[in-house]
């Protein structure tokens, strides 16, 4: 099945769709070039894979599998065409300049909550490389090939993960605390998936009602699954420092200070953060990087 849609001008393909890939290790998503992305999903109508390629002012797509029509029907939302960056009018000089340079950034919406919950839980309180490796191992061990010729893998279904003992995830590099949160989330997948049709505040409450899912995880899910331009990942190890340095020149910050600095942009706080992450100055480092662990060897 195929579909083509007109892209707005300007439109930044890489910034908008880049969040969908969990590093180059991600078996569910591949980016052959800056103007093309391939991804596999479990939709309400079944598994599917989609190829999206920018061709001038259009996005040309092809999808395979029982869920192909579902993905193509929601293509405009995925591309962020429902998002309105023109409503963001920052007064801070840095944000104003970043917004001018990256006006093509859109917040896309997958509409698939559990697809975002699973890797987000795995990413809790560990370094990026650790989390990306664990997610890739989980997909390759318990997932399955996606439909079509793209050579992608589907995430394991929530039912498969919910049926695992926590120690089975140890070999994926996921310790007991995250493993048990992941198992609880997958056991409650039906309730969590309903958050995809809710307003962001209601969706956050639904997600955070589950033990082990806090503000950080709910925000990580919201910006991808819901396309929420106001989602801020409170509790992130680095983000508070990045925002404090970019907006106030302070090399170290707190979550409270970060939210204070972002308050003038309520409704678009996540957009401000995304712009800073993509093009803002990074704070100085005062200590060593976190050491990578091998939980699977413990």
C-alpha atoms as a PDB file:
ATOM      1  CA  UNK A   1       0.000   0.000   0.000  1.00  0.00           C
ATOM      2  CA  UNK A   2       1.222   3.484  -0.847  1.00  0.00           C
ATOM      3  CA  UNK A   3       0.467   7.062   0.117  1.00  0.00           C
ATOM      4  CA  UNK A   4       1.984  10.443  -0.646  1.00  0.00           C
ATOM      5  CA  UNK A   5       1.428  13.633   1.371  1.00  0.00           C
ATOM      6  CA  UNK A   6       2.522  17.226   0.876  1.00  0.00           C
ATOM      7  CA  UNK A   7       4.994  18.526   3.454  1.00  0.00           C
ATOM      8  CA  UNK A   8       4.800  22.064   4.824  1.00  0.00           C
ATOM      9  CA  UNK A   9       7.600  24.506   4.150  1.00  0.00           C
ATOM     10  CA  UNK A  10       9.902  24.560   5.972  1.00  0.00           C
ATOM     11  CA  UNK A  11      10.007  20.960   7.145  1.00  0.00           C
ATOM     12  CA  UNK A  12      12.958  19.284   8.876  1.00  0.00           C
ATOM     13  CA  UNK A  13      12.733  15.555   8.172  1.00  0.00           C
ATOM     14  CA  UNK A  14      15.658  14.601  10.414  1.00  0.00           C
ATOM     15  CA  UNK A  15      14.698  16.637  13.485  1.00  0.00           C
ATOM     16  CA  UNK A  16      11.053  15.634  13.280  1.00  0.00           C
ATOM     17  CA  UNK A  17      11.470  11.889  12.779  1.00  0.00           C
ATOM     18  CA  UNK A  18      14.827  11.371  14.460  1.00  0.00           C
ATOM     19  CA  UNK A  19      13.286  10.642  17.873  1.00  0.00           C
ATOM     20  CA  UNK A  20      11.678   7.488  16.487  1.00  0.00           C
ATOM     21  CA  UNK A  21      14.992   5.612  16.335  1.00  0.00           C
ATOM     22  CA  UNK A  22      16.634   4.318  19.525  1.00  0.00           C
ATOM     23  CA  UNK A  23      20.172   4.626  18.170  1.00  0.00           C
ATOM     24  CA  UNK A  24      21.694   2.832  15.205  1.00  0.00           C
ATOM     25  CA  UNK A  25      21.303  -0.462  17.110  1.00  0.00           C
ATOM     26  CA  UNK A  26      17.494  -0.276  16.964  1.00  0.00           C
ATOM     27  CA  UNK A  27      16.218  -3.338  15.051  1.00  0.00           C
ATOM     28  CA  UNK A  28      12.735  -1.796  14.683  1.00  0.00           C
ATOM     29  CA  UNK A  29      13.839   1.387  12.915  1.00  0.00           C
ATOM     30  CA  UNK A  30      16.413   2.226  10.286  1.00  0.00           C
ATOM     31  CA  UNK A  31      17.425   5.493   8.657  1.00  0.00           C
ATOM     32  CA  UNK A  32      19.144   4.772   5.325  1.00  0.00           C
ATOM     33  CA  UNK A  33      19.627   8.514   4.741  1.00  0.00           C
ATOM     34  CA  UNK A  34      18.666  11.893   6.180  1.00  0.00           C
ATOM     35  CA  UNK A  35      15.611  11.877   3.919  1.00  0.00           C
ATOM     36  CA  UNK A  36      14.355   8.344   4.556  1.00  0.00           C
ATOM     37  CA  UNK A  37      13.220   6.254   7.499  1.00  0.00           C
ATOM     38  CA  UNK A  38      11.991   2.669   7.808  1.00  0.00           C
ATOM     39  CA  UNK A  39      10.130   1.464  10.887  1.00  0.00           C
ATOM     40  CA  UNK A  40       8.076  -1.479  12.136  1.00  0.00           C
ATOM     41  CA  UNK A  41       5.128  -1.261  14.529  1.00  0.00           C
ATOM     42  CA  UNK A  42       2.448  -3.325  16.188  1.00  0.00           C
ATOM     43  CA  UNK A  43      -0.764  -1.479  15.346  1.00  0.00           C
ATOM     44  CA  UNK A  44      -4.301  -2.203  16.629  1.00  0.00           C
ATOM     45  CA  UNK A  45      -4.906  -3.907  13.276  1.00  0.00           C
ATOM     46  CA  UNK A  46      -1.764  -6.041  13.358  1.00  0.00           C
ATOM     47  CA  UNK A  47       1.949  -5.803  12.602  1.00  0.00           C
ATOM     48  CA  UNK A  48       3.196  -3.508   9.869  1.00  0.00           C
ATOM     49  CA  UNK A  49       6.275  -1.865   8.436  1.00  0.00           C
ATOM     50  CA  UNK A  50       6.512   1.470   6.664  1.00  0.00           C
ATOM     51  CA  UNK A  51       9.063   3.238   4.494  1.00  0.00           C
ATOM     52  CA  UNK A  52       8.905   7.045   4.421  1.00  0.00           C
ATOM     53  CA  UNK A  53      11.075   9.014   2.008  1.00  0.00           C
ATOM     54  CA  UNK A  54      11.187  12.726   1.349  1.00  0.00           C
ATOM     55  CA  UNK A  55      10.931  13.587  -2.331  1.00  0.00           C
ATOM     56  CA  UNK A  56      11.131  17.339  -2.643  1.00  0.00           C
ATOM     57  CA  UNK A  57       8.036  18.773  -1.025  1.00  0.00           C
ATOM     58  CA  UNK A  58       6.317  15.424  -0.535  1.00  0.00           C
ATOM     59  CA  UNK A  59       6.679  12.379   1.681  1.00  0.00           C
ATOM     60  CA  UNK A  60       6.251   9.189  -0.324  1.00  0.00           C
ATOM     61  CA  UNK A  61       5.475   6.078   1.670  1.00  0.00           C
ATOM     62  CA  UNK A  62       4.880   2.373   1.256  1.00  0.00           C
ATOM     63  CA  UNK A  63       3.616   0.036   3.966  1.00  0.00           C
ATOM     64  CA  UNK A  64       3.291  -3.716   4.390  1.00  0.00           C
ATOM     65  CA  UNK A  65       1.385  -6.038   6.675  1.00  0.00           C
ATOM     66  CA  UNK A  66      -2.074  -6.257   8.274  1.00  0.00           C
ATOM     67  CA  UNK A  67      -1.563  -2.868   9.949  1.00  0.00           C
ATOM     68  CA  UNK A  68      -0.407  -1.067   6.800  1.00  0.00           C
ATOM     69  CA  UNK A  69      -3.674   0.859   6.296  1.00  0.00           C
ATOM     70  CA  UNK A  70      -3.638   1.936   9.958  1.00  0.00           C
ATOM     71  CA  UNK A  71      -0.143   3.401   9.603  1.00  0.00           C
ATOM     72  CA  UNK A  72      -0.912   5.154   6.335  1.00  0.00           C
ATOM     73  CA  UNK A  73      -4.135   6.651   7.682  1.00  0.00           C
ATOM     74  CA  UNK A  74      -2.115   8.232  10.497  1.00  0.00           C
ATOM     75  CA  UNK A  75       0.815   9.337   8.361  1.00  0.00           C
ATOM     76  CA  UNK A  76       0.097  13.100   8.693  1.00  0.00           C
ATOM     77  CA  UNK A  77       0.115  12.814  12.489  1.00  0.00           C
ATOM     78  CA  UNK A  78       3.355  10.813  12.416  1.00  0.00           C
ATOM     79  CA  UNK A  79       4.961  13.502  10.263  1.00  0.00           C
ATOM     80  CA  UNK A  80       3.864  16.189  12.698  1.00  0.00           C
ATOM     81  CA  UNK A  81       1.495  17.899  10.288  1.00  0.00           C
ATOM     82  CA  UNK A  82      -0.976  18.452  13.152  1.00  0.00           C
ATOM     83  CA  UNK A  83       1.670  20.385  15.082  1.00  0.00           C
ATOM     84  CA  UNK A  84       1.805  24.179  14.838  1.00  0.00           C
ATOM     85  CA  UNK A  85       5.309  25.542  15.519  1.00  0.00           C
ATOM     86  CA  UNK A  86       4.169  29.050  14.568  1.00  0.00           C
ATOM     87  CA  UNK A  87       2.388  29.260  17.932  1.00  0.00           C
ATOM     88  CA  UNK A  88       5.820  29.297  19.607  1.00  0.00           C
ATOM     89  CA  UNK A  89       7.121  32.851  19.878  1.00  0.00           C
ATOM     90  CA  UNK A  90       9.989  32.893  22.410  1.00  0.00           C
ATOM     91  CA  UNK A  91      11.506  36.143  23.637  1.00  0.00           C
ATOM     92  CA  UNK A  92      14.773  34.606  24.868  1.00  0.00           C
ATOM     93  CA  UNK A  93      17.455  35.480  22.261  1.00  0.00           C
ATOM     94  CA  UNK A  94      18.860  31.948  22.067  1.00  0.00           C
ATOM     95  CA  UNK A  95      15.461  30.280  21.699  1.00  0.00           C
ATOM     96  CA  UNK A  96      14.370  32.893  19.180  1.00  0.00           C
ATOM     97  CA  UNK A  97      17.457  32.186  17.063  1.00  0.00           C
ATOM     98  CA  UNK A  98      17.170  28.397  17.390  1.00  0.00           C
ATOM     99  CA  UNK A  99      13.495  28.550  16.447  1.00  0.00           C
ATOM    100  CA  UNK A 100      14.353  30.657  13.404  1.00  0.00           C
ATOM    101  CA  UNK A 101      17.042  28.216  12.294  1.00  0.00           C
ATOM    102  CA  UNK A 102      14.985  25.079  12.990  1.00  0.00           C
ATOM    103  CA  UNK A 103      11.479  26.246  12.141  1.00  0.00           C
ATOM    104  CA  UNK A 104      10.944  22.967  10.297  1.00  0.00           C
ATOM    105  CA  UNK A 105      10.929  20.976  13.553  1.00  0.00           C
ATOM    106  CA  UNK A 106       7.542  19.305  14.114  1.00  0.00           C
ATOM    107  CA  UNK A 107       6.276  17.070  16.897  1.00  0.00           C
ATOM    108  CA  UNK A 108       4.978  13.879  15.328  1.00  0.00           C
ATOM    109  CA  UNK A 109       2.567  11.453  16.986  1.00  0.00           C
ATOM    110  CA  UNK A 110       2.724   7.682  16.601  1.00  0.00           C
ATOM    111  CA  UNK A 111      -0.440   7.042  18.625  1.00  0.00           C
ATOM    112  CA  UNK A 112       1.198   3.842  19.936  1.00  0.00           C
ATOM    113  CA  UNK A 113       1.748   4.080  23.672  1.00  0.00           C
ATOM    114  CA  UNK A 114       3.262   0.686  24.502  1.00  0.00           C
ATOM    115  CA  UNK A 115       5.674   1.006  21.591  1.00  0.00           C
ATOM    116  CA  UNK A 116       7.106   4.012  23.470  1.00  0.00           C
ATOM    117  CA  UNK A 117       6.657   2.650  27.005  1.00  0.00           C
ATOM    118  CA  UNK A 118       8.847  -0.432  26.516  1.00  0.00           C
ATOM    119  CA  UNK A 119      12.073   1.335  25.443  1.00  0.00           C
ATOM    120  CA  UNK A 120      11.419   4.273  27.789  1.00  0.00           C
ATOM    121  CA  UNK A 121      11.263   1.985  30.829  1.00  0.00           C
ATOM    122  CA  UNK A 122      14.467   0.298  29.685  1.00  0.00           C
ATOM    123  CA  UNK A 123      16.113   3.750  29.484  1.00  0.00           C
ATOM    124  CA  UNK A 124      15.321   4.636  33.114  1.00  0.00           C
ATOM    125  CA  UNK A 125      18.363   5.618  35.210  1.00  0.00           C
ATOM    126  CA  UNK A 126      21.005   4.147  32.882  1.00  0.00           C
ATOM    127  CA  UNK A 127      23.276   5.555  30.188  1.00  0.00           C
ATOM    128  CA  UNK A 128      22.069   5.725  26.607  1.00  0.00           C
ATOM    129  CA  UNK A 129      24.444   3.054  25.282  1.00  0.00           C
ATOM    130  CA  UNK A 130      23.379   0.620  28.019  1.00  0.00           C
ATOM    131  CA  UNK A 131      19.696   1.194  27.314  1.00  0.00           C
ATOM    132  CA  UNK A 132      20.013   0.981  23.535  1.00  0.00           C
ATOM    133  CA  UNK A 133      21.939  -2.274  23.781  1.00  0.00           C
ATOM    134  CA  UNK A 134      19.354  -3.762  26.155  1.00  0.00           C
ATOM    135  CA  UNK A 135      16.455  -2.732  23.917  1.00  0.00           C
ATOM    136  CA  UNK A 136      18.116  -4.234  20.843  1.00  0.00           C
ATOM    137  CA  UNK A 137      18.792  -7.499  22.700  1.00  0.00           C
ATOM    138  CA  UNK A 138      15.177  -7.662  23.890  1.00  0.00           C
ATOM    139  CA  UNK A 139      13.822  -7.151  20.382  1.00  0.00           C
ATOM    140  CA  UNK A 140      16.139  -9.705  18.797  1.00  0.00           C
ATOM    141  CA  UNK A 141      15.479 -12.303  21.494  1.00  0.00           C
ATOM    142  CA  UNK A 142      11.706 -11.979  21.910  1.00  0.00           C
ATOM    143  CA  UNK A 143      10.522  -9.990  18.888  1.00  0.00           C
ATOM    144  CA  UNK A 144       9.735 -11.279  15.407  1.00  0.00           C
ATOM    145  CA  UNK A 145      10.406 -10.267  11.804  1.00  0.00           C
ATOM    146  CA  UNK A 146       8.238  -7.416  10.551  1.00  0.00           C
ATOM    147  CA  UNK A 147       6.166  -7.750   7.383  1.00  0.00           C
ATOM    148  CA  UNK A 148       7.655  -6.613   4.098  1.00  0.00           C
ATOM    149  CA  UNK A 149      11.122  -6.489   2.553  1.00  0.00           C
ATOM    150  CA  UNK A 150      12.795  -3.963   4.870  1.00  0.00           C
ATOM    151  CA  UNK A 151      14.465  -6.508   7.158  1.00  0.00           C
ATOM    152  CA  UNK A 152      13.130  -4.930  10.347  1.00  0.00           C
ATOM    153  CA  UNK A 153      12.071  -6.531  13.612  1.00  0.00           C
ATOM    154  CA  UNK A 154       8.909  -5.958  15.633  1.00  0.00           C
ATOM    155  CA  UNK A 155       9.135  -5.189  19.315  1.00  0.00           C
ATOM    156  CA  UNK A 156       8.028  -8.141  21.447  1.00  0.00           C
ATOM    157  CA  UNK A 157       4.315  -7.959  22.140  1.00  0.00           C
ATOM    158  CA  UNK A 158       3.325  -6.836  25.644  1.00  0.00           C
ATOM    159  CA  UNK A 159       1.782 -10.273  26.152  1.00  0.00           C
ATOM    160  CA  UNK A 160       5.104 -11.983  25.463  1.00  0.00           C
ATOM    161  CA  UNK A 161       7.019  -9.683  27.825  1.00  0.00           C
ATOM    162  CA  UNK A 162       4.363  -9.940  30.567  1.00  0.00           C
ATOM    163  CA  UNK A 163       4.745 -13.715  30.514  1.00  0.00           C
ATOM    164  CA  UNK A 164       8.489 -13.619  31.206  1.00  0.00           C
ATOM    165  CA  UNK A 165      10.050 -14.083  34.655  1.00  0.00           C
ATOM    166  CA  UNK A 166      11.978 -10.963  35.692  1.00  0.00           C
ATOM    167  CA  UNK A 167      15.267 -12.836  35.590  1.00  0.00           C
ATOM    168  CA  UNK A 168      14.848 -13.550  31.878  1.00  0.00           C
ATOM    169  CA  UNK A 169      15.452  -9.836  31.310  1.00  0.00           C
ATOM    170  CA  UNK A 170      18.701  -9.955  33.271  1.00  0.00           C
ATOM    171  CA  UNK A 171      20.446 -11.385  30.212  1.00  0.00           C
ATOM    172  CA  UNK A 172      19.228  -8.341  28.262  1.00  0.00           C
ATOM    173  CA  UNK A 173      21.115  -6.091  30.716  1.00  0.00           C
ATOM    174  CA  UNK A 174      17.960  -5.078  32.619  1.00  0.00           C
ATOM    175  CA  UNK A 175      18.177  -5.340  36.404  1.00  0.00           C
ATOM    176  CA  UNK A 176      15.277  -6.396  38.609  1.00  0.00           C
ATOM    177  CA  UNK A 177      13.787  -2.949  39.302  1.00  0.00           C
ATOM    178  CA  UNK A 178      13.396  -1.982  35.642  1.00  0.00           C
ATOM    179  CA  UNK A 179      12.438  -5.536  34.724  1.00  0.00           C
ATOM    180  CA  UNK A 180       9.576  -5.582  37.210  1.00  0.00           C
ATOM    181  CA  UNK A 181       8.361  -2.169  36.026  1.00  0.00           C
ATOM    182  CA  UNK A 182       8.444  -3.434  32.451  1.00  0.00           C
ATOM    183  CA  UNK A 183       6.501  -6.566  33.383  1.00  0.00           C
ATOM    184  CA  UNK A 184       3.872  -4.517  35.246  1.00  0.00           C
ATOM    185  CA  UNK A 185       3.509  -2.135  32.308  1.00  0.00           C
ATOM    186  CA  UNK A 186       3.082  -4.958  29.816  1.00  0.00           C
ATOM    187  CA  UNK A 187       0.536  -6.679  32.049  1.00  0.00           C
ATOM    188  CA  UNK A 188      -1.430  -3.393  32.070  1.00  0.00           C
ATOM    189  CA  UNK A 189      -0.909  -2.740  28.350  1.00  0.00           C
ATOM    190  CA  UNK A 190      -4.602  -2.373  27.506  1.00  0.00           C
ATOM    191  CA  UNK A 191      -5.094   0.349  30.112  1.00  0.00           C
ATOM    192  CA  UNK A 192      -1.889   2.141  29.188  1.00  0.00           C
ATOM    193  CA  UNK A 193      -2.630   2.019  25.464  1.00  0.00           C
ATOM    194  CA  UNK A 194      -5.873   3.907  26.123  1.00  0.00           C
ATOM    195  CA  UNK A 195      -3.709   6.918  27.020  1.00  0.00           C
ATOM    196  CA  UNK A 196      -3.035   7.402  23.312  1.00  0.00           C
ATOM    197  CA  UNK A 197      -6.522   8.854  22.884  1.00  0.00           C
ATOM    198  CA  UNK A 198      -6.316  11.124  25.949  1.00  0.00           C
ATOM    199  CA  UNK A 199      -5.266  14.712  26.459  1.00  0.00           C
ATOM    200  CA  UNK A 200      -1.593  14.865  27.543  1.00  0.00           C
ATOM    201  CA  UNK A 201      -2.370  15.672  31.200  1.00  0.00           C
ATOM    202  CA  UNK A 202      -4.832  12.779  31.460  1.00  0.00           C
ATOM    203  CA  UNK A 203      -2.435  10.459  29.651  1.00  0.00           C
ATOM    204  CA  UNK A 204       0.334  11.370  32.077  1.00  0.00           C
ATOM    205  CA  UNK A 205      -1.888  10.569  35.048  1.00  0.00           C
ATOM    206  CA  UNK A 206      -2.830   7.224  33.528  1.00  0.00           C
ATOM    207  CA  UNK A 207       0.804   6.310  32.923  1.00  0.00           C
ATOM    208  CA  UNK A 208       2.056   7.529  36.299  1.00  0.00           C
ATOM    209  CA  UNK A 209      -0.595   5.549  38.142  1.00  0.00           C
ATOM    210  CA  UNK A 210       1.504   2.470  37.389  1.00  0.00           C
ATOM    211  CA  UNK A 211       4.250   1.870  39.958  1.00  0.00           C
ATOM    212  CA  UNK A 212       7.660   2.457  38.397  1.00  0.00           C
ATOM    213  CA  UNK A 213       6.503   5.019  35.826  1.00  0.00           C
ATOM    214  CA  UNK A 214       7.226   8.578  36.917  1.00  0.00           C
ATOM    215  CA  UNK A 215       7.405  12.027  35.368  1.00  0.00           C
ATOM    216  CA  UNK A 216      10.465  11.256  33.238  1.00  0.00           C
ATOM    217  CA  UNK A 217       9.047   8.115  31.626  1.00  0.00           C
ATOM    218  CA  UNK A 218       5.611   9.664  31.099  1.00  0.00           C
ATOM    219  CA  UNK A 219       7.180  12.639  29.312  1.00  0.00           C
ATOM    220  CA  UNK A 220       9.390  10.444  27.129  1.00  0.00           C
ATOM    221  CA  UNK A 221       6.291   8.514  26.069  1.00  0.00           C
ATOM    222  CA  UNK A 222       4.194  11.651  25.555  1.00  0.00           C
ATOM    223  CA  UNK A 223       6.534  13.390  23.164  1.00  0.00           C
ATOM    224  CA  UNK A 224       6.631  10.397  20.799  1.00  0.00           C
ATOM    225  CA  UNK A 225       3.296   8.631  21.230  1.00  0.00           C
ATOM    226  CA  UNK A 226       1.212  11.795  21.735  1.00  0.00           C
ATOM    227  CA  UNK A 227       3.355  14.358  19.934  1.00  0.00           C
ATOM    228  CA  UNK A 228       3.144  16.590  23.007  1.00  0.00           C
ATOM    229  CA  UNK A 229       5.246  19.757  22.469  1.00  0.00           C
ATOM    230  CA  UNK A 230       4.960  20.581  26.174  1.00  0.00           C
ATOM    231  CA  UNK A 231       6.442  17.320  27.515  1.00  0.00           C
ATOM    232  CA  UNK A 232       9.503  17.902  29.732  1.00  0.00           C
ATOM    233  CA  UNK A 233      11.517  14.942  31.023  1.00  0.00           C
ATOM    234  CA  UNK A 234      11.766  15.963  34.671  1.00  0.00           C
ATOM    235  CA  UNK A 235      14.265  13.760  36.487  1.00  0.00           C
ATOM    236  CA  UNK A 236      16.726  13.492  33.614  1.00  0.00           C
ATOM    237  CA  UNK A 237      20.341  13.378  34.772  1.00  0.00           C
ATOM    238  CA  UNK A 238      21.630  15.947  32.262  1.00  0.00           C
ATOM    239  CA  UNK A 239      18.636  17.930  31.005  1.00  0.00           C
ATOM    240  CA  UNK A 240      18.313  20.286  33.975  1.00  0.00           C
ATOM    241  CA  UNK A 241      21.935  21.377  33.487  1.00  0.00           C
ATOM    242  CA  UNK A 242      21.546  21.761  29.725  1.00  0.00           C
ATOM    243  CA  UNK A 243      18.485  24.011  30.111  1.00  0.00           C
ATOM    244  CA  UNK A 244      19.931  26.062  32.981  1.00  0.00           C
ATOM    245  CA  UNK A 245      23.121  26.713  31.015  1.00  0.00           C
ATOM    246  CA  UNK A 246      21.359  27.572  27.767  1.00  0.00           C
ATOM    247  CA  UNK A 247      18.738  29.898  29.246  1.00  0.00           C
ATOM    248  CA  UNK A 248      20.539  31.387  32.245  1.00  0.00           C
ATOM    249  CA  UNK A 249      24.248  30.684  31.789  1.00  0.00           C
ATOM    250  CA  UNK A 250      24.243  28.524  34.922  1.00  0.00           C
ATOM    251  CA  UNK A 251      26.493  25.452  34.575  1.00  0.00           C
ATOM    252  CA  UNK A 252      24.378  23.398  36.980  1.00  0.00           C
ATOM    253  CA  UNK A 253      20.644  23.376  37.587  1.00  0.00           C
ATOM    254  CA  UNK A 254      17.860  21.531  39.334  1.00  0.00           C
ATOM    255  CA  UNK A 255      14.559  20.260  38.006  1.00  0.00           C
ATOM    256  CA  UNK A 256      12.837  23.114  39.831  1.00  0.00           C
ATOM    257  CA  UNK A 257      15.132  25.682  38.208  1.00  0.00           C
ATOM    258  CA  UNK A 258      14.634  24.083  34.793  1.00  0.00           C
ATOM    259  CA  UNK A 259      10.844  24.291  35.106  1.00  0.00           C
ATOM    260  CA  UNK A 260      11.107  27.904  36.305  1.00  0.00           C
ATOM    261  CA  UNK A 261      13.137  28.848  33.225  1.00  0.00           C
ATOM    262  CA  UNK A 262      10.755  26.990  30.908  1.00  0.00           C
ATOM    263  CA  UNK A 263       7.544  28.352  32.461  1.00  0.00           C
ATOM    264  CA  UNK A 264       7.226  31.283  29.996  1.00  0.00           C
ATOM    265  CA  UNK A 265       6.949  28.696  27.211  1.00  0.00           C
ATOM    266  CA  UNK A 266       4.225  26.551  28.800  1.00  0.00           C
ATOM    267  CA  UNK A 267       2.442  24.671  26.049  1.00  0.00           C
ATOM    268  CA  UNK A 268       5.730  24.491  24.139  1.00  0.00           C
ATOM    269  CA  UNK A 269       8.226  23.665  26.884  1.00  0.00           C
ATOM    270  CA  UNK A 270       9.156  20.414  25.162  1.00  0.00           C
ATOM    271  CA  UNK A 271       9.741  22.316  21.935  1.00  0.00           C
ATOM    272  CA  UNK A 272      12.078  24.688  23.732  1.00  0.00           C
ATOM    273  CA  UNK A 273      13.968  21.720  25.171  1.00  0.00           C
ATOM    274  CA  UNK A 274      14.198  19.989  21.795  1.00  0.00           C
ATOM    275  CA  UNK A 275      15.620  23.133  20.189  1.00  0.00           C
ATOM    276  CA  UNK A 276      18.198  23.510  22.960  1.00  0.00           C
ATOM    277  CA  UNK A 277      19.208  19.851  22.675  1.00  0.00           C
ATOM    278  CA  UNK A 278      19.539  20.151  18.894  1.00  0.00           C
ATOM    279  CA  UNK A 279      21.467  23.397  18.680  1.00  0.00           C
ATOM    280  CA  UNK A 280      22.106  25.018  22.046  1.00  0.00           C
ATOM    281  CA  UNK A 281      25.362  25.271  24.015  1.00  0.00           C
ATOM    282  CA  UNK A 282      26.229  22.374  26.277  1.00  0.00           C
ATOM    283  CA  UNK A 283      27.261  23.011  29.903  1.00  0.00           C
ATOM    284  CA  UNK A 284      30.850  22.338  30.981  1.00  0.00           C
ATOM    285  CA  UNK A 285      31.637  18.934  32.442  1.00  0.00           C
ATOM    286  CA  UNK A 286      33.062  18.848  35.956  1.00  0.00           C
ATOM    287  CA  UNK A 287      33.298  15.100  36.495  1.00  0.00           C
ATOM    288  CA  UNK A 288      33.939  11.814  34.711  1.00  0.00           C
ATOM    289  CA  UNK A 289      31.352  10.222  32.482  1.00  0.00           C
ATOM    290  CA  UNK A 290      29.176   7.543  34.028  1.00  0.00           C
ATOM    291  CA  UNK A 291      30.849   4.162  33.728  1.00  0.00           C
ATOM    292  CA  UNK A 292      29.117   1.608  31.555  1.00  0.00           C
ATOM    293  CA  UNK A 293      27.946  -1.511  33.369  1.00  0.00           C
ATOM    294  CA  UNK A 294      27.309  -5.050  32.222  1.00  0.00           C
ATOM    295  CA  UNK A 295      24.281  -6.137  34.228  1.00  0.00           C
ATOM    296  CA  UNK A 296      24.022  -9.357  32.221  1.00  0.00           C
ATOM    297  CA  UNK A 297      27.387 -10.449  33.700  1.00  0.00           C
ATOM    298  CA  UNK A 298      26.424  -9.805  37.307  1.00  0.00           C
END
